[in-house]
Amino acid sequence: MTSRSSSPGAGFYQPCHLVPEESVGYLMRRVMSSIRTQADAQLAAHDLTYAQWLPLFKLSLHESATVAALARDLETDPASMTRSLDRVEAKGLVVRERSTVDRRVVQLRLTPEGQRVAALVPPVLADVLNGHLSDFSHDEWQTLLGLLRRMLANGEALRQQRGTDAPAA
């Protein structure tokens, strides 16, 4: 990856002319909000909210996880994650199992019903994402993915350069 400027940032934004509607961060947040709203609308028929279907989906990709690991992965605080998991556990979709190796560790596992419900998420997400990309060509989609990955790499480089512990957004 080559730098387009010798100093951090390319100077695309100036503080005195910063307009939210032209901000990459603002636009990405609006896109994410639209994706979440559309997915929520489709998954509401299955009595799921974003705070519930996202952990279910993530758990479906792994055999088990801890609350702390899931919270880190989803960039939320453990208390919020615990509340969401309380709700899906009450619905019989997740079980908590204390580790036999370390009793302080509680593993999360999808129940068979949780696996069934989690399987509803990928088709909905694919539909919503495809809808948001409906007039993109394949090359434009790949370019967008590459640009977003590059922004993430730039953010990680800034984080390391500044020595902050916050995850790159």
Protein backbone atom coordinates (compact mmCIF):
# COMPACT_ATOMS: atom_id res chain seq x y z
CA MET A 1 0.00 0.00 0.00
CA THR A 2 1.48 3.33 -1.00
CA SER A 3 0.88 6.62 0.71
CA ARG A 4 -0.55 9.40 -1.42
CA SER A 5 0.79 12.04 0.94
CA SER A 6 3.82 12.35 3.19
CA SER A 7 1.67 13.37 6.15
CA PRO A 8 -1.26 11.45 7.67
CA GLY A 9 -4.45 12.15 5.80
CA ALA A 10 -4.68 13.38 2.25
CA GLY A 11 -6.30 16.71 3.10
CA PHE A 12 -9.68 15.86 1.61
CA TYR A 13 -11.46 17.49 4.55
CA GLN A 14 -10.88 20.91 6.04
CA PRO A 15 -12.33 21.78 9.48
CA CYS A 16 -13.90 25.03 8.27
CA HIS A 17 -15.67 23.28 5.36
CA LEU A 18 -16.69 19.99 6.96
CA VAL A 19 -20.27 19.15 6.00
CA PRO A 20 -21.82 15.92 7.38
CA GLU A 21 -23.49 15.05 4.07
CA GLU A 22 -20.04 14.93 2.43
CA SER A 23 -18.34 13.05 5.27
CA VAL A 24 -17.31 9.45 4.56
CA GLY A 25 -18.04 8.53 8.18
CA TYR A 26 -21.50 10.10 8.12
CA LEU A 27 -22.38 8.37 4.84
CA MET A 28 -21.10 4.98 6.07
CA ARG A 29 -23.17 5.39 9.25
CA ARG A 30 -26.26 6.21 7.16
CA VAL A 31 -25.67 3.15 4.94
CA MET A 32 -25.24 0.91 8.00
CA SER A 33 -28.39 2.36 9.54
CA SER A 34 -30.32 1.65 6.35
CA ILE A 35 -28.99 -1.92 6.16
CA ARG A 36 -29.85 -2.55 9.83
CA THR A 37 -33.33 -1.03 9.46
CA GLN A 38 -34.13 -3.13 6.39
CA ALA A 39 -32.83 -6.34 8.00
CA ASP A 40 -34.72 -5.56 11.22
CA ALA A 41 -37.95 -5.10 9.25
CA GLN A 42 -37.56 -8.54 7.66
CA LEU A 43 -36.41 -10.31 10.83
CA ALA A 44 -39.14 -8.74 12.98
CA ALA A 45 -41.47 -11.39 11.55
CA HIS A 46 -39.35 -13.89 13.51
CA ASP A 47 -39.51 -11.76 16.69
CA LEU A 48 -35.85 -10.72 16.38
CA THR A 49 -34.21 -7.34 16.80
CA TYR A 50 -30.75 -6.29 15.62
CA ALA A 51 -29.42 -6.73 19.17
CA GLN A 52 -30.65 -10.34 19.02
CA TRP A 53 -30.15 -11.52 15.44
CA LEU A 54 -26.58 -10.26 15.13
CA PRO A 55 -25.24 -12.30 18.09
CA LEU A 56 -27.21 -15.33 16.86
CA PHE A 57 -25.67 -14.98 13.42
CA LYS A 58 -22.15 -14.58 14.86
CA LEU A 59 -22.65 -17.61 17.13
CA SER A 60 -23.81 -19.65 14.15
CA LEU A 61 -20.41 -19.07 12.55
CA HIS A 62 -18.58 -20.55 15.57
CA GLU A 63 -19.28 -23.56 17.74
CA SER A 64 -19.27 -21.46 20.91
CA ALA A 65 -18.03 -18.16 22.31
CA THR A 66 -17.88 -16.26 25.56
CA VAL A 67 -19.92 -13.14 26.30
CA ALA A 68 -16.73 -11.07 26.42
CA ALA A 69 -15.46 -12.42 23.08
CA LEU A 70 -18.83 -11.87 21.41
CA ALA A 71 -19.06 -8.33 22.82
CA ARG A 72 -15.55 -7.55 21.52
CA ASP A 73 -16.36 -9.03 18.11
CA LEU A 74 -19.58 -7.00 17.85
CA GLU A 75 -17.95 -3.87 19.34
CA THR A 76 -20.42 -3.51 22.19
CA ASP A 77 -20.03 -3.53 25.93
CA PRO A 78 -20.39 -6.83 27.82
CA ALA A 79 -23.36 -5.54 29.85
CA SER A 80 -25.37 -4.77 26.70
CA MET A 81 -24.37 -8.12 25.25
CA THR A 82 -25.50 -9.87 28.44
CA ARG A 83 -28.92 -8.16 28.23
CA SER A 84 -29.34 -9.21 24.59
CA LEU A 85 -28.28 -12.76 25.41
CA ASP A 86 -30.73 -12.86 28.34
CA ARG A 87 -33.51 -12.18 25.82
CA VAL A 88 -32.43 -14.83 23.31
CA GLU A 89 -31.81 -17.31 26.12
CA ALA A 90 -35.37 -16.70 27.38
CA LYS A 91 -36.58 -17.52 23.86
CA GLY A 92 -34.69 -20.83 24.03
CA LEU A 93 -32.21 -19.88 21.30
CA VAL A 94 -28.97 -19.82 23.32
CA VAL A 95 -27.67 -21.68 26.34
CA ARG A 96 -24.88 -20.68 28.67
CA GLU A 97 -22.54 -23.44 29.79
CA ARG A 98 -19.90 -23.02 32.46
CA SER A 99 -16.46 -24.20 31.34
CA THR A 100 -15.26 -27.42 32.94
CA VAL A 101 -11.68 -26.12 32.69
CA ASP A 102 -12.23 -22.66 34.19
CA ARG A 103 -15.47 -22.14 36.14
CA ARG A 104 -15.22 -18.36 35.64
CA VAL A 105 -15.70 -18.79 31.89
CA VAL A 106 -19.21 -19.15 30.50
CA GLN A 107 -19.52 -20.45 26.95
CA LEU A 108 -22.47 -19.57 24.72
CA ARG A 109 -23.96 -22.15 22.41
CA LEU A 110 -26.93 -22.07 20.07
CA THR A 111 -29.74 -24.50 20.80
CA PRO A 112 -31.20 -26.45 17.86
CA GLU A 113 -33.96 -23.80 17.69
CA GLY A 114 -31.27 -21.09 17.85
CA GLN A 115 -29.50 -22.74 14.91
CA ARG A 116 -32.76 -22.80 12.97
CA VAL A 117 -33.46 -19.12 13.68
CA ALA A 118 -29.83 -18.09 13.01
CA ALA A 119 -30.10 -19.76 9.60
CA LEU A 120 -32.81 -17.21 8.72
CA VAL A 121 -30.32 -14.33 9.00
CA PRO A 122 -27.93 -14.90 6.03
CA PRO A 123 -30.67 -14.90 3.35
CA VAL A 124 -32.10 -11.69 4.81
CA LEU A 125 -28.69 -10.02 4.97
CA ALA A 126 -27.87 -11.13 1.42
CA ASP A 127 -31.19 -9.72 0.20
CA VAL A 128 -30.70 -6.40 2.02
CA LEU A 129 -27.07 -6.01 0.94
CA ASN A 130 -27.93 -6.90 -2.66
CA GLY A 131 -30.72 -4.32 -2.56
CA HIS A 132 -28.28 -1.64 -1.42
CA LEU A 133 -25.90 -2.64 -4.23
CA SER A 134 -28.61 -3.09 -6.88
CA ASP A 135 -27.21 -0.72 -9.50
CA PHE A 136 -23.53 -1.54 -8.88
CA SER A 137 -21.54 -3.57 -11.38
CA HIS A 138 -19.46 -6.50 -10.13
CA ASP A 139 -16.31 -4.42 -10.60
CA GLU A 140 -17.80 -1.49 -8.66
CA TRP A 141 -18.74 -3.85 -5.81
CA GLN A 142 -15.19 -5.23 -5.72
CA THR A 143 -13.76 -1.69 -5.84
CA LEU A 144 -15.99 -0.65 -2.93
CA LEU A 145 -14.84 -3.65 -0.88
CA GLY A 146 -11.22 -2.84 -1.66
CA LEU A 147 -11.62 0.81 -0.71
CA LEU A 148 -13.32 -0.06 2.58
CA ARG A 149 -10.57 -2.57 3.40
CA ARG A 150 -7.99 0.09 2.63
CA MET A 151 -9.75 2.55 4.96
CA LEU A 152 -9.73 -0.10 7.70
CA ALA A 153 -6.02 -0.72 7.15
CA ASN A 154 -5.35 3.04 7.28
CA GLY A 155 -7.33 3.28 10.52
CA GLU A 156 -5.37 0.38 12.02
CA ALA A 157 -2.09 2.04 11.00
CA LEU A 158 -3.21 5.30 12.65
CA ARG A 159 -4.21 3.41 15.81
CA GLN A 160 -0.80 1.73 16.00
CA GLN A 161 1.02 4.96 15.18
CA ARG A 162 -0.78 6.82 17.95
CA GLY A 163 -0.52 3.91 20.36
CA THR A 164 -4.23 3.87 21.20
CA ASP A 165 -5.97 0.72 22.36
CA ALA A 166 -9.30 1.55 20.76
CA PRO A 167 -10.24 -0.81 17.90
CA ALA A 168 -10.21 0.69 14.44
CA ALA A 169 -13.78 1.55 13.42
